[in-house]
Protein backbone atom coordinates (compact mmCIF):
# COMPACT_ATOMS: atom_id res chain seq x y z
CA MET A 1 83.07 107.57 80.13
CA THR A 2 81.62 104.17 80.94
CA HIS A 3 82.60 102.55 84.23
CA PRO A 4 82.58 98.76 84.61
CA ALA A 5 79.84 97.36 86.81
CA THR A 6 80.77 96.81 90.45
CA PRO A 7 81.12 93.08 91.14
CA ILE A 8 78.63 91.85 93.76
CA PHE A 9 79.29 88.51 95.44
CA ASP A 10 76.63 86.34 97.06
CA ALA A 11 77.13 84.31 100.24
CA ALA A 12 78.81 81.35 98.55
CA ALA A 13 81.17 83.52 96.50
CA THR A 14 81.98 85.66 99.55
CA ALA A 15 82.93 82.51 101.47
CA ARG A 16 85.22 81.38 98.65
CA LEU A 17 86.98 84.77 98.70
CA THR A 18 87.61 84.67 102.45
CA PRO A 19 89.32 81.40 103.50
CA TYR A 20 89.72 81.04 107.26
CA ALA A 21 93.51 80.68 107.29
CA GLU A 22 93.92 83.94 105.36
CA LEU A 23 91.31 85.64 107.57
CA VAL A 24 93.25 84.76 110.73
CA GLU A 25 96.43 86.25 109.29
CA ALA A 26 94.57 89.38 108.15
CA LEU A 27 93.08 89.83 111.63
CA LYS A 28 96.55 89.70 113.19
CA THR A 29 97.50 92.67 111.01
CA ALA A 30 94.18 94.48 111.38
CA SER A 31 94.21 94.23 115.18
CA VAL A 32 97.59 95.97 115.34
CA ASP A 33 96.61 98.52 112.67
CA TYR A 34 93.45 99.35 114.60
CA ALA A 35 95.21 99.61 117.98
CA GLN A 36 97.85 101.89 116.44
CA GLN A 37 95.20 104.01 114.69
CA ARG A 38 96.14 102.99 111.16
CA ILE A 39 92.52 101.84 110.82
CA ALA A 40 89.76 104.29 111.73
CA SER A 41 86.65 102.44 112.93
CA PRO A 42 84.10 104.71 114.65
CA GLU A 43 81.34 103.43 116.91
CA ARG A 44 78.54 101.91 114.88
CA LEU A 45 75.44 103.95 114.09
CA VAL A 46 72.13 102.29 115.02
CA VAL A 47 68.93 103.48 113.33
CA PRO A 48 65.45 101.99 114.02
CA LEU A 49 63.41 100.06 111.46
CA ASN A 50 59.82 98.81 111.71
CA GLU A 51 58.72 96.11 114.20
CA GLY A 52 61.80 96.39 116.41
CA GLY A 53 64.25 96.09 113.56
CA ILE A 54 67.48 98.07 113.40
CA MET A 55 69.83 99.29 110.70
CA LEU A 56 73.52 99.19 111.59
CA SER A 57 76.05 101.38 109.78
CA MET A 58 79.70 100.41 110.33
CA PRO A 59 82.45 102.11 108.28
CA ALA A 60 86.21 101.66 108.57
CA THR A 61 89.09 103.18 106.63
CA ALA A 62 92.81 102.54 106.24
CA PRO A 63 95.46 103.96 103.90
CA ASP A 64 94.98 101.00 101.55
CA LEU A 65 91.21 100.45 101.68
CA GLY A 66 87.87 101.79 102.88
CA ILE A 67 84.83 99.67 103.75
CA HIS A 68 81.25 100.23 104.83
CA LYS A 69 79.11 97.47 106.30
CA LEU A 70 75.36 98.10 106.29
CA VAL A 71 73.34 95.45 108.10
CA ASN A 72 69.60 95.25 108.82
CA VAL A 73 68.46 93.10 111.75
CA CYS A 74 64.71 92.33 111.64
CA PRO A 75 63.56 89.97 114.42
CA ALA A 76 60.05 89.72 112.93
CA ASN A 77 61.36 87.96 109.80
CA GLY A 78 61.05 84.43 111.23
CA PRO A 79 57.31 84.04 110.53
CA ARG A 80 57.90 85.52 107.07
CA GLY A 81 60.33 82.74 106.25
CA LEU A 82 63.13 85.29 105.81
CA PRO A 83 66.58 85.54 107.44
CA THR A 84 66.78 87.84 110.44
CA ILE A 85 69.90 89.57 109.11
CA HIS A 86 70.47 91.11 105.69
CA GLY A 87 73.35 93.29 104.63
CA LYS A 88 76.31 94.10 102.44
CA VAL A 89 79.94 95.08 102.90
CA MET A 90 81.20 97.54 100.31
CA ALA A 91 84.92 98.00 99.65
CA PHE A 92 86.28 101.28 98.28
CA ASP A 93 89.51 102.57 96.81
CA ALA A 94 91.04 104.69 99.58
CA ASP A 95 92.35 107.29 97.10
CA THR A 96 89.48 107.72 94.63
CA GLY A 97 86.53 106.51 96.71
CA GLU A 98 85.41 104.23 93.87
CA THR A 99 83.52 101.07 94.84
CA LEU A 100 85.74 98.04 94.22
CA PHE A 101 83.38 95.18 95.13
CA ILE A 102 80.44 94.27 97.36
CA LEU A 103 80.38 91.21 99.63
CA ASP A 104 77.53 89.48 101.46
CA GLY A 105 77.34 91.09 104.91
CA PRO A 106 76.20 88.18 107.11
CA THR A 107 78.83 85.92 105.51
CA VAL A 108 81.64 88.39 106.15
CA THR A 109 80.48 88.88 109.74
CA GLY A 110 80.18 85.17 110.46
CA ARG A 111 83.51 84.22 108.94
CA ARG A 112 85.62 87.02 110.39
CA THR A 113 84.04 86.42 113.81
CA ALA A 114 84.96 82.73 113.69
CA ALA A 115 88.42 83.68 112.44
CA MET A 116 88.88 85.98 115.46
CA SER A 117 88.07 83.02 117.72
CA MET A 118 90.62 80.93 115.84
CA LEU A 119 93.20 83.69 116.28
CA GLY A 120 92.47 83.47 120.00
CA VAL A 121 92.93 79.69 119.91
CA GLN A 122 96.23 79.97 118.04
CA THR A 123 97.43 82.72 120.37
CA PHE A 124 96.44 81.22 123.71
CA ASN A 125 96.03 77.50 123.24
CA GLY A 126 98.45 76.19 120.67
CA GLY A 127 98.53 75.36 117.00
CA ALA A 128 100.88 75.61 114.09
CA SER A 129 101.44 79.36 114.43
CA SER A 130 101.14 79.60 118.20
CA ALA A 131 103.74 81.08 120.50
CA SER A 132 101.85 80.05 123.63
CA GLY A 133 103.89 76.92 124.24
CA ARG A 134 100.68 74.89 124.61
CA PRO A 135 99.81 71.95 122.36
CA ALA A 136 97.14 72.34 119.71
CA PRO A 137 93.63 71.75 121.10
CA GLN A 138 92.16 68.30 120.68
CA GLU A 139 88.57 68.95 121.82
CA PHE A 140 86.30 71.97 121.43
CA LEU A 141 82.90 72.65 122.96
CA LEU A 142 80.59 75.01 121.08
CA ILE A 143 77.68 76.29 123.18
CA GLY A 144 74.88 77.33 120.83
CA THR A 145 73.34 75.98 117.64
CA GLY A 146 72.90 79.10 115.50
CA THR A 147 74.67 80.54 112.48
CA GLN A 148 77.76 81.53 114.42
CA SER A 149 78.20 77.98 115.66
CA ALA A 150 78.02 76.78 112.05
CA ASN A 151 80.76 79.22 111.08
CA HIS A 152 82.90 78.01 113.97
CA VAL A 153 82.44 74.38 112.93
CA GLU A 154 83.72 75.31 109.47
CA ALA A 155 86.68 77.24 110.87
CA ILE A 156 87.70 74.48 113.27
CA GLY A 157 87.24 71.89 110.55
CA GLU A 158 89.65 73.81 108.30
CA LEU A 159 92.25 74.91 110.83
CA PHE A 160 92.13 72.09 113.41
CA PRO A 161 90.94 69.16 111.29
CA ASP A 162 91.94 66.47 113.81
CA ALA A 163 90.00 68.00 116.71
CA ARG A 164 86.73 66.68 118.12
CA ILE A 165 83.89 69.22 118.35
CA TRP A 166 81.18 68.85 120.99
CA VAL A 167 78.01 70.91 120.56
CA LYS A 168 75.72 71.93 123.42
CA GLY A 169 72.28 73.33 122.61
CA SER A 170 69.39 74.64 124.67
CA ALA A 171 68.05 71.07 124.36
CA PRO A 172 69.79 67.81 123.35
CA ALA A 173 67.53 67.52 120.29
CA LYS A 174 68.73 70.90 119.03
CA ALA A 175 72.36 69.85 119.40
CA GLN A 176 71.64 66.62 117.53
CA ALA A 177 69.82 68.42 114.71
CA PHE A 178 72.66 70.93 114.40
CA CYS A 179 75.29 68.19 114.18
CA ASP A 180 73.24 66.35 111.57
CA ALA A 181 72.98 69.54 109.49
CA GLN A 182 76.70 70.35 109.78
CA ARG A 183 77.97 66.82 109.18
CA GLY A 184 80.88 66.84 106.75
CA LYS A 185 82.24 70.23 107.80
CA ALA A 186 84.35 68.66 110.55
CA ARG A 187 85.80 65.18 111.02
CA ASP A 188 84.37 64.52 114.50
CA LEU A 189 81.19 66.42 115.43
CA GLN A 190 79.17 65.21 118.42
CA PRO A 191 76.15 66.53 120.35
CA LEU A 192 76.67 66.88 124.10
CA ALA A 193 73.83 64.98 125.73
CA GLY A 194 74.33 65.89 129.38
CA PRO A 195 74.90 69.17 131.23
CA ASP A 196 78.51 68.47 132.21
CA VAL A 197 81.46 69.63 130.10
CA PRO A 198 83.85 66.74 129.42
CA ALA A 199 87.11 67.22 131.34
CA SER A 200 89.03 66.64 128.11
CA VAL A 201 87.69 69.79 126.43
CA ASP A 202 90.55 72.24 125.69
CA VAL A 203 88.50 75.14 124.30
CA VAL A 204 84.99 76.32 125.16
CA ILE A 205 83.36 78.83 122.80
CA ALA A 206 80.04 80.39 123.83
CA LEU A 207 77.90 81.48 120.86
CA THR A 208 74.49 82.46 122.24
CA THR A 209 72.50 85.62 122.94
CA SER A 210 71.73 84.41 126.46
CA ARG A 211 71.03 86.76 129.35
CA GLN A 212 72.22 84.24 131.92
CA ALA A 213 75.45 82.28 132.11
CA VAL A 214 75.72 79.23 129.86
CA TYR A 215 79.23 78.52 131.20
CA ASP A 216 80.31 79.30 134.75
CA GLU A 217 82.97 76.82 135.80
CA ALA A 218 86.07 77.48 137.88
CA PRO A 219 88.95 78.76 135.72
CA ARG A 220 91.25 76.02 134.44
CA ALA A 221 94.74 76.68 133.11
CA GLU A 222 94.41 73.91 130.53
CA ARG A 223 91.11 75.22 129.11
CA LEU A 224 90.70 78.36 127.00
CA VAL A 225 87.27 80.02 127.25
CA ILE A 226 86.05 82.30 124.45
CA GLY A 227 82.90 84.42 124.66
CA VAL A 228 81.39 85.48 121.33
CA GLY A 229 77.61 85.66 121.44
CA ALA A 230 76.91 88.29 124.13
CA PHE A 231 77.31 91.67 122.45
CA THR A 232 75.25 94.02 124.67
CA PRO A 233 75.60 94.99 128.36
CA THR A 234 72.43 93.00 129.19
CA MET A 235 73.61 89.73 127.58
CA LEU A 236 75.63 87.25 129.59
CA GLU A 237 77.18 83.92 128.57
CA ILE A 238 80.27 83.52 130.77
CA GLY A 239 79.58 83.63 134.50
CA SER A 240 81.52 85.63 137.06
CA ARG A 241 83.14 82.52 138.55
CA THR A 242 84.92 81.95 135.23
CA VAL A 243 85.61 85.65 134.66
CA HIS A 244 87.23 86.23 138.05
CA GLY A 245 90.46 84.29 138.29
CA SER A 246 91.10 84.27 134.53
CA ALA A 247 93.51 86.48 132.61
CA LEU A 248 91.15 88.67 130.56
CA PHE A 249 91.67 89.52 126.91
CA VAL A 250 89.41 91.16 124.30
CA ASP A 251 89.50 91.73 120.55
CA ASP A 252 88.52 95.43 120.84
CA LEU A 253 89.09 97.23 124.14
CA ALA A 254 87.00 100.27 123.25
CA GLY A 255 84.01 98.24 122.10
CA ALA A 256 84.23 95.75 124.96
CA ARG A 257 83.79 98.47 127.59
CA HIS A 258 80.31 99.15 126.17
CA GLU A 259 79.29 95.75 124.78
CA ALA A 260 80.92 92.89 126.70
CA GLY A 261 78.06 92.03 129.04
CA ASP A 262 80.01 89.14 130.57
CA PHE A 263 82.72 91.52 131.78
CA ILE A 264 80.43 94.46 132.56
CA GLN A 265 78.10 92.41 134.77
CA ALA A 266 81.07 90.77 136.52
CA GLY A 267 82.40 94.24 137.39
CA VAL A 268 85.88 93.63 135.98
CA ASP A 269 88.77 96.03 136.52
CA TRP A 270 89.28 97.27 132.97
CA ALA A 271 92.87 98.18 133.78
CA LYS A 272 93.49 94.42 133.93
CA VAL A 273 91.88 93.68 130.54
CA THR A 274 94.27 93.42 127.58
CA GLY A 275 93.56 93.87 123.88
CA ILE A 276 94.79 91.03 121.69
CA ALA A 277 96.76 93.52 119.58
CA ALA A 278 99.19 93.94 122.48
CA LEU A 279 100.08 90.26 122.09
CA MET A 280 100.34 90.52 118.31
CA ASP A 281 102.85 93.41 118.41
CA GLY A 282 104.79 91.99 121.37
CA SER A 283 104.14 94.89 123.73
CA THR A 284 102.56 92.49 126.27
CA PRO A 285 103.96 89.01 126.98
CA ARG A 286 101.67 86.09 126.25
CA PRO A 287 100.24 84.29 129.28
CA THR A 288 102.04 81.15 130.36
CA GLY A 289 100.54 77.69 130.17
CA SER A 290 99.72 77.84 133.88
CA THR A 291 97.35 80.82 133.49
CA PRO A 292 93.59 80.40 132.83
CA VAL A 293 92.57 82.63 129.91
CA LEU A 294 89.21 84.13 128.95
CA PHE A 295 89.07 85.81 125.54
CA LYS A 296 86.05 87.99 124.77
CA SER A 297 85.18 88.95 121.19
CA VAL A 298 82.74 91.78 120.47
CA GLY A 299 83.71 92.61 116.88
CA CYS A 300 84.19 95.88 115.03
CA ALA A 301 84.32 97.16 111.46
CA ALA A 302 88.13 96.97 111.48
CA TRP A 303 87.76 93.19 111.29
CA ASP A 304 85.46 93.58 108.27
CA LEU A 305 88.17 95.69 106.65
CA GLY A 306 90.61 92.86 107.31
CA ALA A 307 88.20 90.45 105.59
CA CYS A 308 87.94 92.78 102.60
CA ARG A 309 91.74 92.82 102.35
CA VAL A 310 91.60 89.03 102.02
CA ALA A 311 88.88 89.23 99.36
CA ARG A 312 90.76 91.92 97.42
CA ALA A 313 93.93 89.80 97.39
CA ALA A 314 91.94 86.80 96.14
CA LEU A 315 90.37 88.86 93.36
CA GLN A 316 93.76 90.24 92.33
CA ARG A 317 95.18 86.70 92.10
CA ASN A 318 92.28 85.69 89.87
């Protein structure tokens, strides 16, 4: 018996199959499924490669779908003219185990990570589907000029098209070069020349692998802060001044305890940290507009499964 070839989608095709609006909705469902153990997503397996590289194995299963993300991170690839990250996300039939399709791994990771930030924005800081009572944000600040910042520009451009986006880099020239490269993905994209954050910024999103705080201002009720880039205990983007005094939320409570360096180094009381799923299912009331909020995203394979649900639905429509 001949089986049809498994469809494999490159980065551009993977992006087309995973629109940000649909990703945000899928992550709402996946966060609750994961919290209520309808998605199994074990801790990722890390295996060494040459020259300090690592191979990451991240499976997740649900009654309707199974996925396995395999990603290789090779820091020595820069001089070779190659991307640092390579990988694939494979989707499987949950009954037969057959491979349904294969997506580009870095694209899935980048887009579902930006979509999780947008879910945080909609949940805590307003927007069309928000229950926060706050108006939709008018100004964002992205700290960082890497791939994740590019994904966030795309997501904001699609979901908050009228918003201004400021970009802060490690140097003003980097911020300018980034904005020049991303021009057209958002209506109003501007490099931040000075060190001070404009008072009008509603949402700050940190997207670096820094080991020292890139944002450490006093908590402000009118400004949502989202930490994305720091994903190990030794990384730190959001300083303790911001952490303490904010209501603390995370995408994945289990993962954050081991990976959220901002929270770990600030010595937070984990009993006071809430998973976003508790807001999605209504078991925890959403913070009021007078409460400063810090949302930390560390990611997990359950979110990749949510992205594969979006891609599967798109393929079925086509």
